[in-house]
N, C-alpha and C. Protein backbone atom coordinates (compact mmCIF):
# COMPACT_ATOMS: atom_id res chain seq x y z
N UNK A 1 165.09 144.81 156.47
CA UNK A 1 165.25 144.23 157.87
C UNK A 1 163.82 143.72 158.09
N UNK A 2 163.65 142.42 158.55
CA UNK A 2 162.41 141.91 159.20
C UNK A 2 162.27 142.18 160.55
N UNK A 3 160.99 142.65 160.93
CA UNK A 3 160.61 142.96 162.17
C UNK A 3 159.47 141.95 162.83
N UNK A 4 159.75 141.67 164.07
CA UNK A 4 158.39 140.88 164.56
C UNK A 4 158.67 141.67 166.15
N UNK A 5 157.35 141.64 166.60
CA UNK A 5 157.04 141.94 168.14
C UNK A 5 157.35 140.93 168.96
N UNK A 6 157.82 141.27 170.11
CA UNK A 6 157.95 140.00 171.16
C UNK A 6 157.95 140.73 172.66
N UNK A 7 157.84 139.99 173.64
CA UNK A 7 158.04 140.47 175.16
C UNK A 7 159.09 139.97 175.85
N UNK A 8 159.71 140.95 176.53
CA UNK A 8 160.98 140.54 177.38
C UNK A 8 160.48 139.79 178.47
N UNK A 9 161.11 138.69 178.78
CA UNK A 9 160.84 137.76 179.78
C UNK A 9 161.91 137.55 180.81
N UNK A 10 163.07 137.84 180.43
CA UNK A 10 164.22 137.94 181.28
C UNK A 10 165.35 138.68 180.96
N UNK A 11 166.12 139.46 181.71
CA UNK A 11 167.30 140.12 181.28
C UNK A 11 168.44 139.72 181.84
N UNK A 12 169.46 139.60 181.19
CA UNK A 12 170.81 138.91 181.83
C UNK A 12 171.79 140.01 181.36
N UNK A 13 173.19 139.89 181.84
CA UNK A 13 174.15 140.86 181.73
C UNK A 13 174.41 140.86 180.17
N UNK A 14 174.52 139.92 179.37
CA UNK A 14 175.04 139.99 178.04
C UNK A 14 173.81 139.79 176.96
N UNK A 15 172.77 139.38 177.58
CA UNK A 15 171.61 139.21 176.40
C UNK A 15 170.26 139.40 177.13
N UNK A 16 169.34 139.28 176.40
CA UNK A 16 167.78 139.64 176.62
C UNK A 16 167.18 138.29 176.17
N UNK A 17 166.19 137.72 177.08
CA UNK A 17 165.34 136.71 176.62
C UNK A 17 164.05 137.22 176.24
N UNK A 18 163.62 136.98 175.10
CA UNK A 18 162.35 137.46 174.80
C UNK A 18 161.41 136.13 174.47
N UNK A 19 159.97 136.52 174.43
CA UNK A 19 159.01 135.42 174.15
C UNK A 19 157.93 135.86 173.27
N UNK A 20 157.46 134.96 172.46
CA UNK A 20 156.27 135.26 171.45
C UNK A 20 155.40 134.11 171.52
N UNK A 21 154.24 134.44 171.74
CA UNK A 21 152.94 133.41 171.60
C UNK A 21 153.16 132.31 170.49
N UNK A 22 153.39 131.14 170.74
CA UNK A 22 153.30 130.22 169.58
C UNK A 22 151.85 130.10 168.81
N UNK A 23 152.11 130.00 167.63
CA UNK A 23 150.95 130.06 166.90
C UNK A 23 151.08 128.90 165.74
N UNK A 24 150.02 128.14 165.64
CA UNK A 24 150.04 127.23 164.43
C UNK A 24 149.86 127.86 163.08
N UNK A 25 150.23 127.27 162.06
CA UNK A 25 150.04 127.90 160.73
C UNK A 25 148.67 128.25 160.51
N UNK A 26 147.40 127.41 161.06
CA UNK A 26 146.17 127.55 160.73
C UNK A 26 145.40 128.34 161.79
N UNK A 27 146.10 129.15 162.58
CA UNK A 27 145.48 129.88 163.83
C UNK A 27 144.72 131.05 163.22
N UNK A 28 144.87 131.43 161.99
CA UNK A 28 144.03 132.60 161.46
C UNK A 28 142.71 132.00 161.05
N UNK A 29 142.68 130.67 160.78
CA UNK A 29 141.43 130.09 160.42
C UNK A 29 140.51 129.32 161.34
N UNK A 30 139.34 129.91 161.69
CA UNK A 30 138.56 129.43 162.69
C UNK A 30 137.61 128.14 162.72
N UNK A 31 137.86 127.56 161.47
CA UNK A 31 137.08 126.35 160.81
C UNK A 31 137.94 125.20 161.50
N UNK A 32 136.87 124.52 162.39
CA UNK A 32 137.60 123.30 163.03
C UNK A 32 137.86 122.16 161.59
N UNK A 33 138.90 121.65 161.69
CA UNK A 33 139.16 120.54 160.73
C UNK A 33 140.38 119.70 161.24
N UNK A 34 140.68 118.72 160.61
CA UNK A 34 141.48 117.69 161.15
C UNK A 34 142.91 118.29 161.33
N UNK A 35 143.32 119.14 160.54
CA UNK A 35 144.70 119.86 160.54
C UNK A 35 144.84 120.50 161.76
N UNK A 36 143.79 121.16 162.24
CA UNK A 36 143.58 122.01 163.45
C UNK A 36 143.73 121.02 164.67
N UNK A 37 142.94 120.04 164.56
CA UNK A 37 143.15 118.86 165.70
C UNK A 37 144.32 118.34 165.98
N UNK A 38 145.12 118.18 164.77
CA UNK A 38 146.58 117.53 164.91
C UNK A 38 147.58 118.65 165.55
N UNK A 39 147.40 119.73 165.05
CA UNK A 39 148.15 120.86 165.73
C UNK A 39 147.96 120.86 166.91
N UNK A 40 146.60 121.13 167.41
CA UNK A 40 146.32 121.05 168.92
C UNK A 40 146.92 119.87 169.68
N UNK A 41 146.84 119.01 169.23
CA UNK A 41 147.48 117.56 169.76
C UNK A 41 149.01 117.62 170.04
N UNK A 42 149.85 118.07 168.88
CA UNK A 42 151.04 118.18 168.96
C UNK A 42 151.54 119.35 169.78
N UNK A 43 150.65 120.57 169.91
CA UNK A 43 151.16 121.47 170.86
C UNK A 43 151.09 121.12 172.40
N UNK A 44 150.44 120.13 172.89
CA UNK A 44 150.16 119.72 174.20
C UNK A 44 151.20 119.64 174.89
N UNK A 45 151.69 120.21 175.97
CA UNK A 45 152.75 120.23 176.94
C UNK A 45 153.73 121.20 176.35
N UNK A 46 153.73 121.76 175.47
CA UNK A 46 154.73 122.78 175.00
C UNK A 46 154.35 124.15 175.71
N UNK A 47 155.52 124.64 175.93
CA UNK A 47 155.44 126.08 176.69
C UNK A 47 154.50 126.93 175.71
N UNK A 48 153.90 128.10 176.29
CA UNK A 48 152.81 129.05 175.54
C UNK A 48 153.65 130.01 174.65
N UNK A 49 155.06 130.31 175.36
CA UNK A 49 155.90 131.07 174.68
C UNK A 49 157.12 130.46 173.94
N UNK A 50 157.24 130.90 172.79
CA UNK A 50 158.60 130.39 172.23
C UNK A 50 159.56 131.42 172.71
N UNK A 51 160.87 130.91 173.26
CA UNK A 51 161.78 131.51 173.66
C UNK A 51 163.06 131.91 172.76
N UNK A 52 163.43 133.07 173.02
CA UNK A 52 164.82 133.33 172.26
C UNK A 52 165.85 134.44 172.90
N UNK A 53 166.96 134.11 172.88
CA UNK A 53 168.05 134.69 173.29
C UNK A 53 168.55 135.88 172.39
N UNK A 54 168.27 137.23 172.65
CA UNK A 54 168.79 138.17 171.68
C UNK A 54 169.75 139.29 172.39
N UNK A 55 170.36 140.00 171.55
CA UNK A 55 171.17 141.11 172.16
C UNK A 55 170.38 142.34 171.95
N UNK A 56 170.51 143.17 172.87
CA UNK A 56 169.76 144.52 172.96
C UNK A 56 170.94 145.61 173.08
N UNK A 57 170.84 146.48 172.07
CA UNK A 57 171.70 147.81 172.26
C UNK A 57 171.03 148.76 173.17
N UNK A 58 169.76 148.69 173.54
CA UNK A 58 168.99 149.62 174.49
C UNK A 58 168.42 148.89 175.62
N UNK A 59 168.30 149.82 176.44
CA UNK A 59 167.98 149.03 177.98
C UNK A 59 166.47 148.73 178.01
N UNK A 60 166.37 147.45 178.40
CA UNK A 60 165.00 147.04 178.28
C UNK A 60 164.59 146.38 179.80
N UNK A 61 163.35 146.26 180.27
CA UNK A 61 162.95 145.61 181.45
C UNK A 61 162.07 144.42 181.09
N UNK A 62 161.99 143.66 182.08
CA UNK A 62 161.14 142.46 182.15
C UNK A 62 159.86 142.99 181.89
N UNK A 63 158.96 142.44 181.10
CA UNK A 63 157.45 143.04 180.67
C UNK A 63 157.29 144.09 179.66
N UNK A 64 158.83 144.57 179.02
CA UNK A 64 158.69 145.44 177.96
C UNK A 64 158.24 144.60 176.66
N UNK A 65 157.41 145.21 175.94
CA UNK A 65 157.13 144.83 174.51
C UNK A 65 158.18 145.41 173.49
N UNK A 66 158.83 144.78 172.89
CA UNK A 66 159.98 145.16 171.93
C UNK A 66 159.69 144.78 170.48
N UNK A 67 160.32 145.29 169.60
CA UNK A 67 160.54 145.01 168.24
C UNK A 67 161.75 144.42 167.88
N UNK A 68 161.57 143.08 167.56
CA UNK A 68 163.05 142.50 167.19
C UNK A 68 163.21 142.52 165.54
N UNK A 69 164.55 142.69 165.08
CA UNK A 69 164.99 142.88 163.57
C UNK A 69 166.05 141.68 163.30
N UNK A 70 165.91 141.39 162.00
CA UNK A 70 166.95 140.61 161.53
C UNK A 70 167.05 140.94 159.98
N UNK A 71 168.31 140.79 159.61
CA UNK A 71 168.62 141.16 158.26
C UNK A 71 167.95 140.17 157.39
N UNK A 72 167.51 140.59 156.01
CA UNK A 72 166.69 139.49 155.20
C UNK A 72 167.90 138.64 154.73
N UNK A 73 169.18 139.14 154.48
CA UNK A 73 170.26 138.31 153.98
C UNK A 73 170.48 137.07 154.70
N UNK A 74 170.05 137.11 156.15
CA UNK A 74 170.56 136.08 157.07
C UNK A 74 169.33 135.12 156.82
N UNK A 75 168.06 135.49 156.61
CA UNK A 75 167.05 134.40 156.26
C UNK A 75 167.26 133.70 154.71
N UNK A 76 167.63 134.47 153.93
CA UNK A 76 167.93 134.04 152.70
C UNK A 76 169.11 132.88 152.80
N UNK A 77 170.21 133.33 153.45
CA UNK A 77 171.30 132.31 153.51
C UNK A 77 170.95 131.02 154.39
N UNK A 78 170.21 131.18 155.53
CA UNK A 78 169.70 130.15 156.20
C UNK A 78 168.70 129.25 155.44
N UNK A 79 167.95 129.84 154.59
CA UNK A 79 166.92 129.05 153.89
C UNK A 79 167.79 128.23 152.73
N UNK A 80 168.72 128.87 152.12
CA UNK A 80 169.64 128.24 151.15
C UNK A 80 170.43 127.11 151.84
N UNK A 81 170.84 127.47 153.11
CA UNK A 81 171.56 125.94 153.75
C UNK A 81 170.78 125.02 153.98
N UNK A 82 169.56 125.33 154.58
CA UNK A 82 168.82 124.28 155.05
C UNK A 82 168.01 123.62 154.03
N UNK A 83 167.34 124.18 152.94
CA UNK A 83 166.62 123.53 151.98
C UNK A 83 167.32 123.24 150.75
N UNK A 84 167.97 124.07 150.16
CA UNK A 84 168.53 123.96 148.86
C UNK A 84 169.69 122.96 148.67
N UNK A 85 170.71 123.38 149.61
CA UNK A 85 172.06 122.43 149.56
C UNK A 85 171.76 120.93 149.84
N UNK A 86 170.76 120.53 151.00
CA UNK A 86 170.51 119.10 150.98
C UNK A 86 169.89 118.45 149.86
N UNK A 87 168.81 119.15 149.10
CA UNK A 87 168.18 119.00 148.06
C UNK A 87 169.31 118.73 146.55
N UNK A 88 170.12 119.57 146.51
CA UNK A 88 171.21 119.35 145.37
C UNK A 88 172.10 118.15 145.75
N UNK A 89 172.52 117.92 147.12
CA UNK A 89 173.34 116.75 147.48
C UNK A 89 172.66 115.64 147.08
N UNK A 90 171.38 115.65 147.38
CA UNK A 90 170.44 114.30 147.18
C UNK A 90 170.53 114.10 145.70
N UNK A 91 170.16 115.06 144.78
CA UNK A 91 170.17 115.05 143.45
C UNK A 91 171.41 114.54 142.94
N UNK A 92 172.52 115.18 143.29
CA UNK A 92 173.79 115.09 142.72
C UNK A 92 174.19 113.56 143.07
N UNK A 93 174.04 113.04 144.15
CA UNK A 93 174.31 111.81 144.69
C UNK A 93 173.49 110.80 144.01
N UNK A 94 172.26 111.05 143.63
CA UNK A 94 171.53 110.36 142.83
C UNK A 94 171.90 109.90 141.46
N UNK A 95 172.45 111.15 140.84
CA UNK A 95 172.99 110.87 139.41
C UNK A 95 174.26 110.32 139.56
N UNK A 96 175.07 110.55 140.32
CA UNK A 96 176.57 109.94 140.63
C UNK A 96 176.15 108.35 140.70
N UNK A 97 175.39 108.12 141.66
CA UNK A 97 174.90 106.48 142.01
C UNK A 97 174.52 106.00 140.68
N UNK A 98 173.57 106.67 139.84
CA UNK A 98 173.12 105.97 138.89
C UNK A 98 174.10 105.70 137.68
N UNK A 99 175.11 106.77 137.61
CA UNK A 99 176.28 106.86 136.58
C UNK A 99 177.16 105.54 136.96
N UNK A 100 177.37 105.57 138.40
CA UNK A 100 178.27 104.51 138.61
C UNK A 100 177.77 103.19 138.63
N UNK A 101 176.34 103.19 138.85
CA UNK A 101 175.48 101.92 138.55
C UNK A 101 175.61 101.24 137.18
N UNK A 102 175.54 102.19 136.22
CA UNK A 102 175.54 101.89 134.66
C UNK A 102 177.00 101.50 134.26
N UNK A 103 177.89 102.06 135.10
CA UNK A 103 179.49 101.79 134.71
C UNK A 103 179.78 100.26 135.01
N UNK A 104 179.13 99.82 136.42
CA UNK A 104 179.43 98.47 136.71
C UNK A 104 178.15 97.75 136.77
N UNK A 105 177.20 97.95 135.83
CA UNK A 105 176.56 96.89 135.35
C UNK A 105 175.64 96.39 136.27
N UNK A 106 175.35 97.24 137.46
CA UNK A 106 174.39 96.98 138.42
C UNK A 106 172.95 97.45 138.13
N UNK A 107 172.02 97.30 138.89
CA UNK A 107 170.65 97.83 138.72
C UNK A 107 170.75 99.25 139.01
N UNK A 108 170.03 100.20 137.98
CA UNK A 108 170.02 101.55 138.26
C UNK A 108 169.47 102.19 139.29
N UNK A 109 168.20 101.60 139.50
CA UNK A 109 167.15 102.07 140.91
C UNK A 109 168.02 102.08 142.09
N UNK A 110 168.48 100.72 142.49
CA UNK A 110 168.92 100.75 143.87
C UNK A 110 170.38 101.64 144.03
N UNK A 111 171.22 101.67 142.91
CA UNK A 111 172.61 102.47 142.87
C UNK A 111 172.01 103.96 142.76
N UNK A 112 171.17 104.44 142.32
CA UNK A 112 170.59 105.83 142.46
C UNK A 112 170.05 106.09 143.75
N UNK A 113 169.32 105.12 144.35
CA UNK A 113 168.69 105.53 145.71
C UNK A 113 170.03 105.58 146.81
N UNK A 114 171.03 104.58 146.57
CA UNK A 114 172.00 104.69 147.55
C UNK A 114 172.76 105.82 147.28
N UNK A 115 173.08 106.15 146.18
CA UNK A 115 173.88 107.48 146.04
C UNK A 115 173.16 108.66 146.40
N UNK A 116 171.72 108.64 146.20
CA UNK A 116 171.14 109.90 146.69
C UNK A 116 171.32 109.93 148.25
N UNK A 117 170.87 108.99 148.92
CA UNK A 117 171.25 108.97 150.20
C UNK A 117 172.65 109.29 150.77
N UNK A 118 173.32 108.70 150.12
CA UNK A 118 174.84 109.24 150.33
C UNK A 118 175.20 110.63 150.06
N UNK A 119 174.69 111.33 148.97
CA UNK A 119 174.89 112.57 148.86
C UNK A 119 174.14 113.51 149.75
N UNK A 120 172.96 113.14 150.16
CA UNK A 120 172.00 113.84 151.21
C UNK A 120 172.94 113.68 152.60
N UNK A 121 173.50 112.69 152.91
CA UNK A 121 174.16 112.39 154.16
C UNK A 121 175.49 113.45 154.18
N UNK A 122 176.25 113.30 152.98
CA UNK A 122 177.32 114.06 152.81
C UNK A 122 177.27 115.53 153.06
N UNK A 123 175.95 116.06 152.34
CA UNK A 123 175.68 117.25 152.35
C UNK A 123 175.31 117.76 153.80
N UNK A 124 174.50 116.93 154.51
CA UNK A 124 174.18 117.24 155.88
C UNK A 124 175.34 117.46 156.82
N UNK A 125 176.32 116.50 156.40
CA UNK A 125 177.49 116.26 157.45
C UNK A 125 178.43 117.50 156.89
N UNK A 126 178.46 118.07 155.88
CA UNK A 126 179.17 119.17 155.36
C UNK A 126 178.73 120.32 156.14
N UNK A 127 177.13 120.69 155.99
CA UNK A 127 176.46 121.63 156.92
C UNK A 127 176.72 121.91 158.22
N UNK A 128 176.67 120.58 159.00
CA UNK A 128 177.04 120.46 160.42
C UNK A 128 178.39 121.12 160.76
N UNK A 129 179.41 120.72 160.03
CA UNK A 129 180.85 121.09 160.25
C UNK A 129 181.33 122.33 159.59
N UNK A 130 180.55 123.01 158.82
CA UNK A 130 180.85 124.24 157.95
C UNK A 130 180.64 125.40 158.62
N UNK A 131 180.79 126.72 158.17
CA UNK A 131 180.52 127.85 158.62
C UNK A 131 178.92 128.30 158.31
N UNK A 132 178.55 127.59 157.25
CA UNK A 132 177.11 127.95 156.56
C UNK A 132 175.96 127.81 157.76
N UNK A 133 176.31 126.72 158.75
CA UNK A 133 175.20 126.75 159.70
C UNK A 133 175.71 127.09 161.23
N UNK A 134 176.79 127.89 161.33
CA UNK A 134 177.58 127.89 162.54
C UNK A 134 176.60 128.87 163.30
N UNK A 135 176.83 128.95 164.60
CA UNK A 135 176.19 129.90 165.47
C UNK A 135 176.63 131.46 165.57
N UNK A 136 177.39 131.56 164.47
CA UNK A 136 177.82 133.12 164.32
C UNK A 136 177.14 133.78 163.30
N UNK A 137 176.18 133.13 162.75
CA UNK A 137 175.18 133.82 161.80
C UNK A 137 174.65 134.93 162.43
N UNK A 138 173.91 135.75 161.87
CA UNK A 138 173.36 137.08 162.50
C UNK A 138 172.24 136.51 163.09
N UNK A 139 171.86 137.28 164.25
CA UNK A 139 170.96 136.90 165.29
C UNK A 139 170.05 138.00 165.41
N UNK A 140 168.67 137.85 165.63
CA UNK A 140 167.85 138.94 165.99
C UNK A 140 168.33 139.85 167.17
N UNK A 141 168.11 141.35 166.82
CA UNK A 141 168.68 142.15 167.86
C UNK A 141 167.23 142.94 168.24
N UNK A 142 167.19 143.60 169.34
CA UNK A 142 166.18 144.46 169.64
C UNK A 142 166.32 145.69 169.01
N UNK A 143 165.40 146.29 168.29
CA UNK A 143 165.37 147.52 167.64
C UNK A 143 164.87 148.74 168.36
N UNK A 144 163.73 148.36 169.14
CA UNK A 144 163.05 149.52 169.90
C UNK A 144 162.02 149.08 170.84
N UNK A 145 161.69 149.80 171.83
CA UNK A 145 160.63 149.64 172.81
C UNK A 145 159.27 149.93 172.37
N UNK A 146 158.31 149.17 172.63
CA UNK A 146 156.62 149.65 171.98
C UNK A 146 156.26 150.52 173.29
N UNK A 147 155.32 151.29 173.01
CA UNK A 147 154.72 152.21 174.13
C UNK A 147 154.05 151.37 175.04
């Protein structure tokens, strides 16, 4: 179980809205650099809290600090669907495109590039309409309140 602290910002009948302060990847580093400047520029106008709707088996009120939890398997499954499958689709499409290009005596590079883009597009379409990326995947839940 992966756990993270959050703040309850709204309570509704069937769900709880929690917020977590946004933090850039280089927030721990206090050295000014170009990356930090770009991160500051991109964060302008965004809300200070990242908001998320979660279910809560315990009673919470606005302002409570809580611990959220999500199963590691859900993270692994999501990472697989978002990163690995599109990459495999791209590679399979490129190989198929190159093979078809060789079979029909067309230049291999444009055929491989077109096949790769077609494989990537097909994989993304598959993910959009399949259960792998459905909204029914495990969502974070409130595990407990913090003092």
